[in-house]
């Protein structure tokens, strides 16, 4: 970076996540000029910016070429830090709505284990289970994670991760408001998922964050 000595190290590491097409001169100028004026509740500016850029970068990587071109042209018109955050929020929402979800990595298990195979399904799960699942839609679109609803005596949001060593595997199952399941119920669910994934091995080279909490 040309002005690297003037940018906090945390911001440099965040900007390194941006696709080259989105790393425009105006974005560097904005961060040098406006960053101190930003107030983020309970988080540093670097943390807030990092989450937004992580999401938009992941979605950009799976976006159609036409939308990538539109995003590149649009970011050149950003003139201040508020417009930058608005740009990322707007494009994240748009890409989530138009991007096709990958197929579930394992088959459904009757009406008990139901894949959340759209952004709308994940939003409904988030509302019903009172978690922040909607924040993890970009990870699903990138093939890092997949989510299911477990509709049993102890309902749960089930997360599978795509591990570089083992392919798709059970990662967590949390109840309403991210409450842990009874140990026996979680063991039963994990055993079922393990059986379903045996015939569906694949791999992906990056692990997602563990928490579903928002």
N, C-alpha and C. Protein backbone atom coordinates (compact mmCIF):
# COMPACT_ATOMS: atom_id res chain seq x y z
N UNK A 1 0.83 -1.19 0.00
CA UNK A 1 0.00 0.00 0.00
C UNK A 1 0.87 1.25 0.00
N UNK A 2 0.49 2.23 -0.80
CA UNK A 2 1.27 3.45 -0.95
C UNK A 2 1.37 4.23 0.35
N UNK A 3 0.25 4.27 1.15
CA UNK A 3 0.24 5.03 2.39
C UNK A 3 0.22 4.11 3.60
N UNK A 4 0.91 3.00 3.48
CA UNK A 4 0.84 1.99 4.54
C UNK A 4 1.30 2.52 5.89
N UNK A 5 2.27 3.46 5.89
CA UNK A 5 2.79 3.98 7.16
C UNK A 5 1.76 4.84 7.88
N UNK A 6 0.70 5.26 7.20
CA UNK A 6 -0.33 6.11 7.80
C UNK A 6 -1.57 5.33 8.21
N UNK A 7 -1.64 4.06 7.88
CA UNK A 7 -2.83 3.25 8.14
C UNK A 7 -2.53 2.28 9.28
N UNK A 8 -3.41 2.22 10.29
CA UNK A 8 -3.21 1.25 11.38
C UNK A 8 -3.06 -0.17 10.83
N UNK A 9 -2.21 -0.98 11.48
CA UNK A 9 -1.99 -2.36 10.99
C UNK A 9 -3.28 -3.15 10.85
N UNK A 10 -4.24 -2.94 11.77
CA UNK A 10 -5.50 -3.66 11.68
C UNK A 10 -6.25 -3.36 10.40
N UNK A 11 -6.20 -2.11 9.95
CA UNK A 11 -6.87 -1.72 8.72
C UNK A 11 -6.17 -2.33 7.51
N UNK A 12 -4.84 -2.37 7.54
CA UNK A 12 -4.09 -2.98 6.43
C UNK A 12 -4.49 -4.45 6.27
N UNK A 13 -4.58 -5.17 7.38
CA UNK A 13 -4.93 -6.59 7.29
C UNK A 13 -6.35 -6.76 6.76
N UNK A 14 -7.23 -5.82 7.10
CA UNK A 14 -8.60 -5.88 6.60
C UNK A 14 -8.62 -5.62 5.10
N UNK A 15 -7.89 -4.61 4.65
CA UNK A 15 -7.89 -4.26 3.23
C UNK A 15 -7.27 -5.35 2.37
N UNK A 16 -6.36 -6.11 2.94
CA UNK A 16 -5.75 -7.20 2.19
C UNK A 16 -6.76 -8.28 1.82
N UNK A 17 -7.91 -8.29 2.50
CA UNK A 17 -8.96 -9.25 2.16
C UNK A 17 -9.78 -8.81 0.95
N UNK A 18 -9.73 -7.52 0.62
CA UNK A 18 -10.54 -7.03 -0.49
C UNK A 18 -10.04 -7.57 -1.82
N UNK A 19 -10.93 -8.01 -2.69
CA UNK A 19 -10.52 -8.38 -4.04
C UNK A 19 -9.86 -7.19 -4.73
N UNK A 20 -8.89 -7.46 -5.57
CA UNK A 20 -8.15 -6.39 -6.24
C UNK A 20 -9.09 -5.43 -6.98
N UNK A 21 -10.16 -5.98 -7.55
CA UNK A 21 -11.09 -5.14 -8.32
C UNK A 21 -11.76 -4.08 -7.45
N UNK A 22 -11.91 -4.36 -6.17
CA UNK A 22 -12.59 -3.43 -5.26
C UNK A 22 -11.65 -2.51 -4.50
N UNK A 23 -10.37 -2.79 -4.58
CA UNK A 23 -9.39 -1.99 -3.84
C UNK A 23 -9.00 -0.77 -4.67
N UNK A 24 -9.88 0.22 -4.68
CA UNK A 24 -9.70 1.42 -5.49
C UNK A 24 -9.04 2.52 -4.67
N UNK A 25 -8.44 3.47 -5.38
CA UNK A 25 -7.74 4.58 -4.72
C UNK A 25 -8.65 5.35 -3.79
N UNK A 26 -9.90 5.56 -4.18
CA UNK A 26 -10.80 6.32 -3.33
C UNK A 26 -11.06 5.65 -1.99
N UNK A 27 -10.99 4.32 -1.94
CA UNK A 27 -11.22 3.61 -0.68
C UNK A 27 -10.07 3.88 0.29
N UNK A 28 -8.84 3.87 -0.19
CA UNK A 28 -7.68 4.20 0.65
C UNK A 28 -7.81 5.63 1.16
N UNK A 29 -8.17 6.56 0.29
CA UNK A 29 -8.33 7.96 0.67
C UNK A 29 -9.38 8.12 1.76
N UNK A 30 -10.49 7.44 1.60
CA UNK A 30 -11.57 7.53 2.59
C UNK A 30 -11.11 7.04 3.96
N UNK A 31 -10.39 5.92 3.99
CA UNK A 31 -9.95 5.38 5.26
C UNK A 31 -8.95 6.29 5.95
N UNK A 32 -8.08 6.92 5.18
CA UNK A 32 -7.11 7.86 5.74
C UNK A 32 -7.81 9.11 6.30
N UNK A 33 -8.87 9.53 5.66
CA UNK A 33 -9.51 10.79 6.01
C UNK A 33 -10.62 10.65 7.05
N UNK A 34 -11.42 9.57 6.94
CA UNK A 34 -12.68 9.52 7.68
C UNK A 34 -12.73 8.53 8.83
N UNK A 35 -11.72 7.68 8.95
CA UNK A 35 -11.84 6.56 9.87
C UNK A 35 -12.05 6.99 11.31
N UNK A 36 -11.39 8.06 11.74
CA UNK A 36 -11.50 8.50 13.14
C UNK A 36 -12.89 9.01 13.48
N UNK A 37 -13.68 9.33 12.48
CA UNK A 37 -15.01 9.89 12.73
C UNK A 37 -16.08 8.82 12.92
N UNK A 38 -15.69 7.55 12.74
CA UNK A 38 -16.66 6.46 12.82
C UNK A 38 -16.82 5.99 14.26
N UNK A 39 -18.07 5.79 14.67
CA UNK A 39 -18.38 5.24 15.99
C UNK A 39 -19.10 3.92 15.82
N UNK A 40 -18.55 2.86 16.43
CA UNK A 40 -19.14 1.52 16.31
C UNK A 40 -19.45 1.00 17.71
N UNK A 41 -20.69 0.70 17.97
CA UNK A 41 -21.11 0.26 19.30
C UNK A 41 -20.42 -1.03 19.70
N UNK A 42 -19.60 -0.94 20.76
CA UNK A 42 -19.02 -2.14 21.35
C UNK A 42 -17.92 -2.80 20.55
N UNK A 43 -17.57 -2.29 19.39
CA UNK A 43 -16.53 -2.89 18.56
C UNK A 43 -15.59 -1.81 18.07
N UNK A 44 -14.37 -2.20 17.75
CA UNK A 44 -13.47 -1.26 17.10
C UNK A 44 -13.90 -1.09 15.66
N UNK A 45 -13.47 0.02 15.06
CA UNK A 45 -13.77 0.26 13.66
C UNK A 45 -13.20 -0.87 12.81
N UNK A 46 -11.98 -1.30 13.17
CA UNK A 46 -11.33 -2.37 12.41
C UNK A 46 -12.16 -3.65 12.43
N UNK A 47 -12.75 -3.99 13.60
CA UNK A 47 -13.56 -5.20 13.70
C UNK A 47 -14.82 -5.09 12.85
N UNK A 48 -15.49 -3.94 12.95
CA UNK A 48 -16.72 -3.74 12.18
C UNK A 48 -16.44 -3.76 10.69
N UNK A 49 -15.41 -3.04 10.29
CA UNK A 49 -15.03 -3.00 8.88
C UNK A 49 -14.60 -4.37 8.40
N UNK A 50 -13.86 -5.09 9.26
CA UNK A 50 -13.38 -6.42 8.89
C UNK A 50 -14.49 -7.39 8.60
N UNK A 51 -15.55 -7.37 9.42
CA UNK A 51 -16.69 -8.27 9.20
C UNK A 51 -17.37 -7.95 7.87
N UNK A 52 -17.59 -6.65 7.62
CA UNK A 52 -18.26 -6.25 6.38
C UNK A 52 -17.44 -6.63 5.15
N UNK A 53 -16.14 -6.38 5.22
CA UNK A 53 -15.28 -6.69 4.08
C UNK A 53 -15.14 -8.19 3.88
N UNK A 54 -15.10 -8.94 4.98
CA UNK A 54 -15.04 -10.40 4.87
C UNK A 54 -16.27 -10.93 4.14
N UNK A 55 -17.44 -10.41 4.49
CA UNK A 55 -18.68 -10.83 3.85
C UNK A 55 -18.69 -10.45 2.37
N UNK A 56 -18.39 -9.19 2.08
CA UNK A 56 -18.50 -8.72 0.69
C UNK A 56 -17.45 -9.39 -0.19
N UNK A 57 -16.28 -9.68 0.36
CA UNK A 57 -15.23 -10.35 -0.42
C UNK A 57 -15.62 -11.78 -0.75
N UNK A 58 -16.19 -12.47 0.24
CA UNK A 58 -16.63 -13.84 -0.01
C UNK A 58 -17.74 -13.92 -1.04
N UNK A 59 -18.68 -13.00 -0.94
CA UNK A 59 -19.79 -12.97 -1.90
C UNK A 59 -19.30 -12.58 -3.29
N UNK A 60 -18.35 -11.66 -3.34
CA UNK A 60 -17.78 -11.25 -4.64
C UNK A 60 -17.15 -12.45 -5.34
N UNK A 61 -16.53 -13.33 -4.58
CA UNK A 61 -15.83 -14.46 -5.18
C UNK A 61 -16.77 -15.43 -5.88
N UNK A 62 -18.05 -15.45 -5.48
CA UNK A 62 -19.00 -16.37 -6.11
C UNK A 62 -20.04 -15.64 -6.97
N UNK A 63 -19.87 -14.32 -7.12
CA UNK A 63 -20.84 -13.53 -7.89
C UNK A 63 -20.65 -13.74 -9.39
N UNK A 64 -21.71 -13.64 -10.18
CA UNK A 64 -21.59 -13.69 -11.64
C UNK A 64 -20.73 -12.53 -12.14
N UNK A 65 -20.10 -12.74 -13.29
CA UNK A 65 -19.19 -11.73 -13.83
C UNK A 65 -19.87 -10.38 -14.02
N UNK A 66 -21.13 -10.40 -14.45
CA UNK A 66 -21.86 -9.15 -14.68
C UNK A 66 -21.99 -8.34 -13.40
N UNK A 67 -22.27 -9.02 -12.29
CA UNK A 67 -22.41 -8.32 -11.02
C UNK A 67 -21.06 -7.87 -10.48
N UNK A 68 -20.01 -8.65 -10.74
CA UNK A 68 -18.67 -8.21 -10.33
C UNK A 68 -18.31 -6.89 -11.01
N UNK A 69 -18.64 -6.79 -12.30
CA UNK A 69 -18.38 -5.55 -13.04
C UNK A 69 -19.17 -4.40 -12.44
N UNK A 70 -20.44 -4.64 -12.13
CA UNK A 70 -21.28 -3.59 -11.55
C UNK A 70 -20.77 -3.16 -10.18
N UNK A 71 -20.29 -4.11 -9.38
CA UNK A 71 -19.74 -3.77 -8.07
C UNK A 71 -18.48 -2.92 -8.19
N UNK A 72 -17.64 -3.26 -9.15
CA UNK A 72 -16.40 -2.52 -9.37
C UNK A 72 -16.70 -1.09 -9.80
N UNK A 73 -17.65 -0.93 -10.68
CA UNK A 73 -18.02 0.42 -11.12
C UNK A 73 -18.66 1.21 -10.00
N UNK A 74 -19.48 0.55 -9.20
CA UNK A 74 -20.19 1.22 -8.12
C UNK A 74 -19.26 1.72 -7.03
N UNK A 75 -18.24 0.93 -6.69
CA UNK A 75 -17.37 1.32 -5.58
C UNK A 75 -16.52 2.55 -5.93
N UNK A 76 -16.32 2.78 -7.21
CA UNK A 76 -15.57 3.97 -7.61
C UNK A 76 -16.31 5.26 -7.29
N UNK A 77 -17.63 5.16 -7.07
CA UNK A 77 -18.44 6.34 -6.79
C UNK A 77 -18.58 6.61 -5.29
N UNK A 78 -17.99 5.77 -4.46
CA UNK A 78 -18.06 5.95 -3.01
C UNK A 78 -17.17 7.12 -2.62
N UNK A 79 -17.72 8.05 -1.79
CA UNK A 79 -17.00 9.28 -1.48
C UNK A 79 -16.68 9.48 0.00
N UNK A 80 -17.31 8.72 0.90
CA UNK A 80 -16.98 8.86 2.31
C UNK A 80 -17.24 7.54 3.03
N UNK A 81 -16.91 7.50 4.32
CA UNK A 81 -16.97 6.24 5.05
C UNK A 81 -18.41 5.74 5.19
N UNK A 82 -19.37 6.66 5.34
CA UNK A 82 -20.77 6.23 5.43
C UNK A 82 -21.22 5.58 4.13
N UNK A 83 -20.80 6.17 3.00
CA UNK A 83 -21.15 5.58 1.71
C UNK A 83 -20.48 4.22 1.54
N UNK A 84 -19.28 4.05 2.11
CA UNK A 84 -18.59 2.76 2.00
C UNK A 84 -19.35 1.67 2.75
N UNK A 85 -19.79 1.96 3.97
CA UNK A 85 -20.57 0.98 4.72
C UNK A 85 -21.91 0.71 4.03
N UNK A 86 -22.54 1.77 3.51
CA UNK A 86 -23.80 1.58 2.79
C UNK A 86 -23.60 0.73 1.54
N UNK A 87 -22.48 0.96 0.85
CA UNK A 87 -22.15 0.16 -0.34
C UNK A 87 -22.06 -1.32 0.02
N UNK A 88 -21.33 -1.63 1.08
CA UNK A 88 -21.15 -3.03 1.45
C UNK A 88 -22.45 -3.67 1.91
N UNK A 89 -23.24 -2.93 2.69
CA UNK A 89 -24.54 -3.47 3.13
C UNK A 89 -25.46 -3.72 1.94
N UNK A 90 -25.51 -2.76 1.03
CA UNK A 90 -26.42 -2.86 -0.12
C UNK A 90 -26.03 -4.04 -1.02
N UNK A 91 -24.76 -4.16 -1.31
CA UNK A 91 -24.32 -5.23 -2.21
C UNK A 91 -24.37 -6.60 -1.54
N UNK A 92 -24.11 -6.65 -0.24
CA UNK A 92 -24.23 -7.93 0.46
C UNK A 92 -25.67 -8.43 0.37
N UNK A 93 -26.62 -7.55 0.65
CA UNK A 93 -28.03 -7.95 0.58
C UNK A 93 -28.43 -8.36 -0.83
N UNK A 94 -27.96 -7.62 -1.81
CA UNK A 94 -28.33 -7.94 -3.20
C UNK A 94 -27.75 -9.28 -3.63
N UNK A 95 -26.48 -9.51 -3.31
CA UNK A 95 -25.84 -10.76 -3.72
C UNK A 95 -26.46 -11.96 -3.02
N UNK A 96 -26.83 -11.78 -1.76
CA UNK A 96 -27.47 -12.87 -1.03
C UNK A 96 -28.79 -13.26 -1.69
N UNK A 97 -29.54 -12.27 -2.14
CA UNK A 97 -30.84 -12.54 -2.73
C UNK A 97 -30.75 -13.18 -4.12
N UNK A 98 -29.73 -12.83 -4.89
CA UNK A 98 -29.67 -13.32 -6.27
C UNK A 98 -28.79 -14.57 -6.42
N UNK A 99 -27.97 -14.86 -5.42
CA UNK A 99 -27.06 -16.01 -5.53
C UNK A 99 -27.79 -17.31 -5.22
N UNK A 100 -27.52 -18.32 -6.02
CA UNK A 100 -28.14 -19.63 -5.82
C UNK A 100 -27.39 -20.41 -4.76
N UNK A 101 -28.12 -20.97 -3.81
CA UNK A 101 -27.49 -21.75 -2.76
C UNK A 101 -26.94 -23.06 -3.34
N UNK A 102 -25.81 -23.53 -2.83
CA UNK A 102 -25.32 -24.85 -3.25
C UNK A 102 -26.27 -25.93 -2.73
N UNK A 103 -26.26 -27.10 -3.34
CA UNK A 103 -27.13 -28.18 -2.85
C UNK A 103 -26.68 -28.64 -1.46
N UNK A 104 -27.59 -29.15 -0.66
CA UNK A 104 -27.21 -29.64 0.67
C UNK A 104 -26.15 -30.74 0.57
N UNK A 105 -25.19 -30.75 1.47
CA UNK A 105 -24.13 -31.76 1.42
C UNK A 105 -24.58 -33.15 1.86
N UNK A 106 -25.71 -33.23 2.56
CA UNK A 106 -26.28 -34.52 2.95
C UNK A 106 -27.78 -34.48 2.67
N UNK A 107 -28.37 -35.64 2.53
CA UNK A 107 -29.81 -35.72 2.27
C UNK A 107 -30.60 -35.40 3.52
N UNK A 108 -31.84 -35.00 3.32
CA UNK A 108 -32.74 -34.79 4.46
C UNK A 108 -33.00 -36.12 5.15
N UNK A 109 -33.42 -36.04 6.40
CA UNK A 109 -33.80 -37.24 7.13
C UNK A 109 -35.26 -37.09 7.51
N UNK A 110 -36.13 -37.54 6.58
CA UNK A 110 -37.56 -37.38 6.78
C UNK A 110 -37.91 -35.91 6.96
N UNK A 111 -38.78 -35.64 7.92
CA UNK A 111 -39.14 -34.27 8.25
C UNK A 111 -38.38 -33.76 9.47
N UNK A 112 -37.37 -34.53 9.89
CA UNK A 112 -36.63 -34.15 11.10
C UNK A 112 -35.45 -33.24 10.79
N UNK A 113 -34.61 -33.64 9.84
CA UNK A 113 -33.43 -32.86 9.49
C UNK A 113 -33.68 -32.19 8.14
N UNK A 114 -33.95 -30.90 8.18
CA UNK A 114 -34.39 -30.16 6.99
C UNK A 114 -33.34 -29.14 6.58
N UNK A 115 -32.82 -29.22 5.34
CA UNK A 115 -31.79 -28.26 4.91
C UNK A 115 -32.36 -26.85 4.78
N UNK A 116 -31.56 -25.86 5.17
CA UNK A 116 -31.92 -24.46 5.00
C UNK A 116 -31.27 -24.00 3.69
N UNK A 117 -31.99 -24.20 2.59
CA UNK A 117 -31.40 -24.10 1.26
C UNK A 117 -31.69 -22.79 0.54
N UNK A 118 -31.97 -21.75 1.31
CA UNK A 118 -32.15 -20.42 0.72
C UNK A 118 -31.92 -19.37 1.80
N UNK A 119 -31.68 -18.13 1.35
CA UNK A 119 -31.51 -17.05 2.31
C UNK A 119 -32.79 -16.85 3.12
N UNK A 120 -33.95 -17.02 2.46
CA UNK A 120 -35.22 -16.87 3.15
C UNK A 120 -35.37 -17.93 4.25
N UNK A 121 -34.95 -19.16 3.96
CA UNK A 121 -35.04 -20.23 4.96
C UNK A 121 -34.13 -19.94 6.15
N UNK A 122 -32.96 -19.38 5.88
CA UNK A 122 -32.04 -19.05 6.97
C UNK A 122 -32.57 -17.89 7.80
N UNK A 123 -33.20 -16.92 7.14
CA UNK A 123 -33.80 -15.81 7.90
C UNK A 123 -34.93 -16.32 8.80
N UNK A 124 -35.76 -17.23 8.29
CA UNK A 124 -36.85 -17.78 9.09
C UNK A 124 -36.31 -18.59 10.26
N UNK A 125 -35.25 -19.35 10.02
CA UNK A 125 -34.62 -20.11 11.10
C UNK A 125 -34.06 -19.17 12.16
N UNK A 126 -33.44 -18.09 11.72
CA UNK A 126 -32.90 -17.10 12.65
C UNK A 126 -34.01 -16.50 13.51
N UNK A 127 -35.15 -16.21 12.89
CA UNK A 127 -36.28 -15.64 13.63
C UNK A 127 -36.84 -16.65 14.63
N UNK A 128 -37.02 -17.88 14.15
CA UNK A 128 -37.66 -18.91 14.97
C UNK A 128 -36.76 -19.36 16.13
N UNK A 129 -35.46 -19.50 15.84
CA UNK A 129 -34.53 -20.00 16.85
C UNK A 129 -33.82 -18.88 17.61
N UNK A 130 -34.09 -17.65 17.22
CA UNK A 130 -33.53 -16.47 17.91
C UNK A 130 -32.00 -16.51 17.96
N UNK A 131 -31.40 -16.68 16.78
CA UNK A 131 -29.95 -16.61 16.67
C UNK A 131 -29.60 -15.65 15.51
N UNK A 132 -28.33 -15.52 15.24
CA UNK A 132 -27.87 -14.60 14.20
C UNK A 132 -27.44 -15.35 12.94
N UNK A 133 -28.21 -16.35 12.57
CA UNK A 133 -27.87 -17.22 11.45
C UNK A 133 -27.74 -16.44 10.14
N UNK A 134 -28.54 -15.39 9.99
CA UNK A 134 -28.50 -14.64 8.73
C UNK A 134 -27.11 -14.07 8.44
N UNK A 135 -26.31 -13.83 9.47
CA UNK A 135 -24.97 -13.29 9.27
C UNK A 135 -24.05 -14.30 8.59
N UNK A 136 -24.45 -15.57 8.59
CA UNK A 136 -23.57 -16.62 8.07
C UNK A 136 -23.96 -17.09 6.67
N UNK A 137 -24.93 -16.41 6.05
CA UNK A 137 -25.30 -16.76 4.67
C UNK A 137 -24.09 -16.72 3.73
N UNK A 138 -23.20 -15.70 3.82
CA UNK A 138 -22.04 -15.71 2.91
C UNK A 138 -21.19 -16.96 3.01
N UNK A 139 -21.07 -17.52 4.22
CA UNK A 139 -20.26 -18.74 4.38
C UNK A 139 -20.90 -19.94 3.68
N UNK A 140 -22.22 -19.97 3.65
CA UNK A 140 -22.91 -21.05 2.94
C UNK A 140 -22.68 -20.91 1.44
N UNK A 141 -22.82 -19.71 0.93
CA UNK A 141 -22.64 -19.47 -0.51
C UNK A 141 -21.22 -19.80 -0.96
N UNK A 142 -20.26 -19.67 -0.07
CA UNK A 142 -18.87 -20.00 -0.40
C UNK A 142 -18.55 -21.48 -0.22
N UNK A 143 -19.52 -22.25 0.28
CA UNK A 143 -19.29 -23.67 0.47
C UNK A 143 -18.53 -24.02 1.73
N UNK A 144 -18.46 -23.11 2.69
CA UNK A 144 -17.74 -23.37 3.93
C UNK A 144 -18.59 -24.11 4.95
N UNK A 145 -19.88 -23.76 4.99
CA UNK A 145 -20.78 -24.33 5.98
C UNK A 145 -22.13 -24.62 5.33
N UNK A 146 -22.92 -25.40 6.03
CA UNK A 146 -24.32 -25.60 5.63
C UNK A 146 -25.13 -25.79 6.90
N UNK A 147 -26.39 -25.33 6.85
CA UNK A 147 -27.22 -25.37 8.04
C UNK A 147 -28.51 -26.14 7.79
N UNK A 148 -28.98 -26.78 8.85
CA UNK A 148 -30.21 -27.56 8.83
C UNK A 148 -31.03 -27.21 10.06
N UNK A 149 -32.34 -27.44 9.95
CA UNK A 149 -33.17 -27.37 11.15
C UNK A 149 -33.50 -28.78 11.60
N UNK A 150 -33.30 -29.02 12.88
CA UNK A 150 -33.62 -30.30 13.49
C UNK A 150 -34.94 -30.15 14.23
N UNK A 151 -35.98 -30.83 13.72
CA UNK A 151 -37.34 -30.65 14.24
C UNK A 151 -37.72 -31.86 15.08
N UNK A 152 -37.25 -31.85 16.32
CA UNK A 152 -37.48 -32.98 17.22
C UNK A 152 -37.94 -32.43 18.56
N UNK A 153 -37.94 -33.27 19.57
CA UNK A 153 -38.34 -32.84 20.91
C UNK A 153 -37.52 -31.64 21.36
N UNK A 154 -36.21 -31.69 21.06
CA UNK A 154 -35.32 -30.55 21.32
C UNK A 154 -34.91 -29.97 19.96
N UNK A 155 -35.65 -28.99 19.45
CA UNK A 155 -35.32 -28.42 18.13
C UNK A 155 -33.97 -27.73 18.17
N UNK A 156 -33.30 -27.73 17.02
CA UNK A 156 -31.96 -27.15 16.99
C UNK A 156 -31.63 -26.63 15.59
N UNK A 157 -30.72 -25.68 15.57
CA UNK A 157 -30.07 -25.27 14.33
C UNK A 157 -28.77 -26.06 14.24
N UNK A 158 -28.63 -26.83 13.17
CA UNK A 158 -27.49 -27.74 13.01
C UNK A 158 -26.53 -27.16 11.98
N UNK A 159 -25.26 -27.13 12.34
CA UNK A 159 -24.23 -26.61 11.45
C UNK A 159 -23.28 -27.72 11.03
N UNK A 160 -23.09 -27.87 9.72
CA UNK A 160 -22.06 -28.75 9.18
C UNK A 160 -20.95 -27.88 8.63
N UNK A 161 -19.72 -28.29 8.82
CA UNK A 161 -18.59 -27.56 8.25
C UNK A 161 -17.92 -28.41 7.18
N UNK A 162 -17.28 -27.74 6.23
CA UNK A 162 -16.55 -28.42 5.18
C UNK A 162 -15.08 -28.39 5.53
N UNK A 163 -14.61 -29.48 6.11
CA UNK A 163 -13.25 -29.56 6.62
C UNK A 163 -12.28 -30.03 5.54
N UNK A 164 -11.08 -29.43 5.50
CA UNK A 164 -10.09 -29.87 4.50
C UNK A 164 -9.65 -31.30 4.70
N UNK A 165 -9.70 -31.78 5.95
CA UNK A 165 -9.26 -33.15 6.21
C UNK A 165 -10.37 -34.18 6.02
N UNK A 166 -11.58 -33.82 6.44
CA UNK A 166 -12.64 -34.82 6.54
C UNK A 166 -13.84 -34.56 5.64
N UNK A 167 -13.86 -33.47 4.91
CA UNK A 167 -15.04 -33.12 4.13
C UNK A 167 -16.15 -32.63 5.05
N UNK A 168 -17.40 -32.84 4.65
CA UNK A 168 -18.52 -32.36 5.45
C UNK A 168 -18.65 -33.18 6.71
N UNK A 169 -18.83 -32.45 7.83
CA UNK A 169 -18.99 -33.14 9.10
C UNK A 169 -19.81 -32.28 10.07
N UNK A 170 -20.37 -32.96 11.04
CA UNK A 170 -21.13 -32.28 12.10
C UNK A 170 -20.22 -31.31 12.84
N UNK A 171 -20.74 -30.10 13.09
CA UNK A 171 -19.94 -29.11 13.81
C UNK A 171 -20.62 -28.65 15.09
N UNK A 172 -21.92 -28.37 15.03
CA UNK A 172 -22.61 -27.95 16.24
C UNK A 172 -24.11 -28.07 16.05
N UNK A 173 -24.82 -28.13 17.17
CA UNK A 173 -26.29 -28.10 17.18
C UNK A 173 -26.70 -27.31 18.41
N UNK A 174 -27.40 -26.21 18.17
CA UNK A 174 -27.78 -25.33 19.27
C UNK A 174 -29.28 -25.07 19.25
N UNK A 175 -29.85 -24.99 20.44
CA UNK A 175 -31.28 -24.76 20.56
C UNK A 175 -31.64 -23.29 20.47
N UNK A 176 -32.82 -22.95 20.93
CA UNK A 176 -33.29 -21.56 20.90
C UNK A 176 -32.33 -20.67 21.68
N UNK A 177 -32.00 -19.52 21.09
CA UNK A 177 -31.05 -18.57 21.67
C UNK A 177 -29.69 -19.21 21.94
N UNK A 178 -29.32 -20.16 21.07
CA UNK A 178 -28.01 -20.82 21.15
C UNK A 178 -27.80 -21.63 22.43
N UNK A 179 -28.89 -22.08 23.02
CA UNK A 179 -28.76 -22.93 24.21
C UNK A 179 -28.26 -24.32 23.81
N UNK A 180 -27.32 -24.88 24.57
CA UNK A 180 -26.85 -26.24 24.27
C UNK A 180 -27.97 -27.26 24.40
N UNK A 181 -27.91 -28.31 23.59
CA UNK A 181 -28.87 -29.40 23.70
C UNK A 181 -28.47 -30.33 24.85
N UNK A 182 -29.42 -31.08 25.39
CA UNK A 182 -29.04 -32.15 26.33
C UNK A 182 -28.02 -33.08 25.65
N UNK A 183 -27.07 -33.55 26.42
CA UNK A 183 -25.96 -34.32 25.85
C UNK A 183 -26.45 -35.52 25.04
N UNK A 184 -27.44 -36.24 25.55
CA UNK A 184 -27.93 -37.43 24.85
C UNK A 184 -28.56 -37.05 23.52
N UNK A 185 -29.31 -35.94 23.49
CA UNK A 185 -29.96 -35.50 22.26
C UNK A 185 -28.92 -35.08 21.22
N UNK A 186 -27.87 -34.38 21.66
CA UNK A 186 -26.83 -33.96 20.73
C UNK A 186 -26.05 -35.16 20.20
N UNK A 187 -25.76 -36.12 21.07
CA UNK A 187 -25.03 -37.32 20.63
C UNK A 187 -25.83 -38.08 19.57
N UNK A 188 -27.13 -38.18 19.78
CA UNK A 188 -28.00 -38.87 18.81
C UNK A 188 -27.98 -38.15 17.47
N UNK A 189 -28.08 -36.84 17.52
CA UNK A 189 -28.09 -36.04 16.30
C UNK A 189 -26.75 -36.13 15.57
N UNK A 190 -25.66 -36.03 16.32
CA UNK A 190 -24.35 -36.12 15.68
C UNK A 190 -24.14 -37.49 15.04
N UNK A 191 -24.59 -38.55 15.71
CA UNK A 191 -24.47 -39.89 15.15
C UNK A 191 -25.22 -40.00 13.83
N UNK A 192 -26.41 -39.42 13.76
CA UNK A 192 -27.19 -39.44 12.53
C UNK A 192 -26.47 -38.69 11.41
N UNK A 193 -25.97 -37.49 11.73
CA UNK A 193 -25.28 -36.70 10.71
C UNK A 193 -24.02 -37.41 10.23
N UNK A 194 -23.30 -38.04 11.15
CA UNK A 194 -22.10 -38.79 10.76
C UNK A 194 -22.45 -39.90 9.76
N UNK A 195 -23.56 -40.56 9.98
CA UNK A 195 -23.97 -41.61 9.05
C UNK A 195 -24.33 -41.03 7.68
N UNK A 196 -25.01 -39.89 7.69
CA UNK A 196 -25.43 -39.27 6.43
C UNK A 196 -24.25 -38.73 5.62
N UNK A 197 -23.19 -38.33 6.31
CA UNK A 197 -22.05 -37.73 5.60
C UNK A 197 -21.07 -38.77 5.07
N UNK A 198 -21.18 -40.00 5.49
CA UNK A 198 -20.22 -41.02 5.05
C UNK A 198 -20.17 -41.14 3.53
N UNK A 199 -21.32 -41.01 2.89
CA UNK A 199 -21.39 -41.16 1.43
C UNK A 199 -21.31 -39.83 0.70
N UNK A 200 -20.98 -38.78 1.43
CA UNK A 200 -20.99 -37.45 0.82
C UNK A 200 -19.69 -36.70 1.06
N UNK A 201 -18.56 -37.42 1.03
CA UNK A 201 -17.29 -36.79 1.37
C UNK A 201 -16.87 -35.79 0.30
N UNK A 202 -16.45 -34.60 0.75
CA UNK A 202 -15.85 -33.57 -0.11
C UNK A 202 -14.99 -32.72 0.78
N UNK A 203 -14.28 -31.75 0.20
CA UNK A 203 -13.40 -30.93 1.03
C UNK A 203 -13.41 -29.49 0.58
N UNK A 204 -13.02 -28.63 1.51
CA UNK A 204 -12.91 -27.19 1.24
C UNK A 204 -11.82 -26.65 2.14
N UNK A 205 -10.91 -25.79 1.64
CA UNK A 205 -9.69 -25.48 2.37
C UNK A 205 -9.77 -24.41 3.44
N UNK A 206 -10.95 -24.11 3.98
CA UNK A 206 -10.99 -23.09 5.01
C UNK A 206 -12.07 -23.40 6.01
N UNK A 207 -11.76 -23.20 7.31
CA UNK A 207 -12.74 -23.47 8.36
C UNK A 207 -13.51 -22.21 8.70
N UNK A 208 -14.81 -22.32 8.98
CA UNK A 208 -15.63 -21.17 9.31
C UNK A 208 -15.58 -20.87 10.81
N UNK A 209 -16.11 -19.73 11.23
CA UNK A 209 -16.22 -19.46 12.64
C UNK A 209 -17.22 -20.40 13.31
N UNK A 210 -17.01 -20.69 14.60
CA UNK A 210 -17.83 -21.68 15.28
C UNK A 210 -19.15 -21.12 15.79
N UNK A 211 -19.15 -19.89 16.30
CA UNK A 211 -20.32 -19.40 17.01
C UNK A 211 -21.46 -19.02 16.07
N UNK A 212 -22.68 -19.25 16.51
CA UNK A 212 -23.86 -18.78 15.81
C UNK A 212 -24.40 -17.53 16.47
N UNK A 213 -23.81 -17.14 17.59
CA UNK A 213 -24.39 -16.03 18.36
C UNK A 213 -24.16 -14.72 17.67
N UNK A 214 -25.06 -13.77 17.89
CA UNK A 214 -24.94 -12.47 17.28
C UNK A 214 -24.83 -11.38 18.30
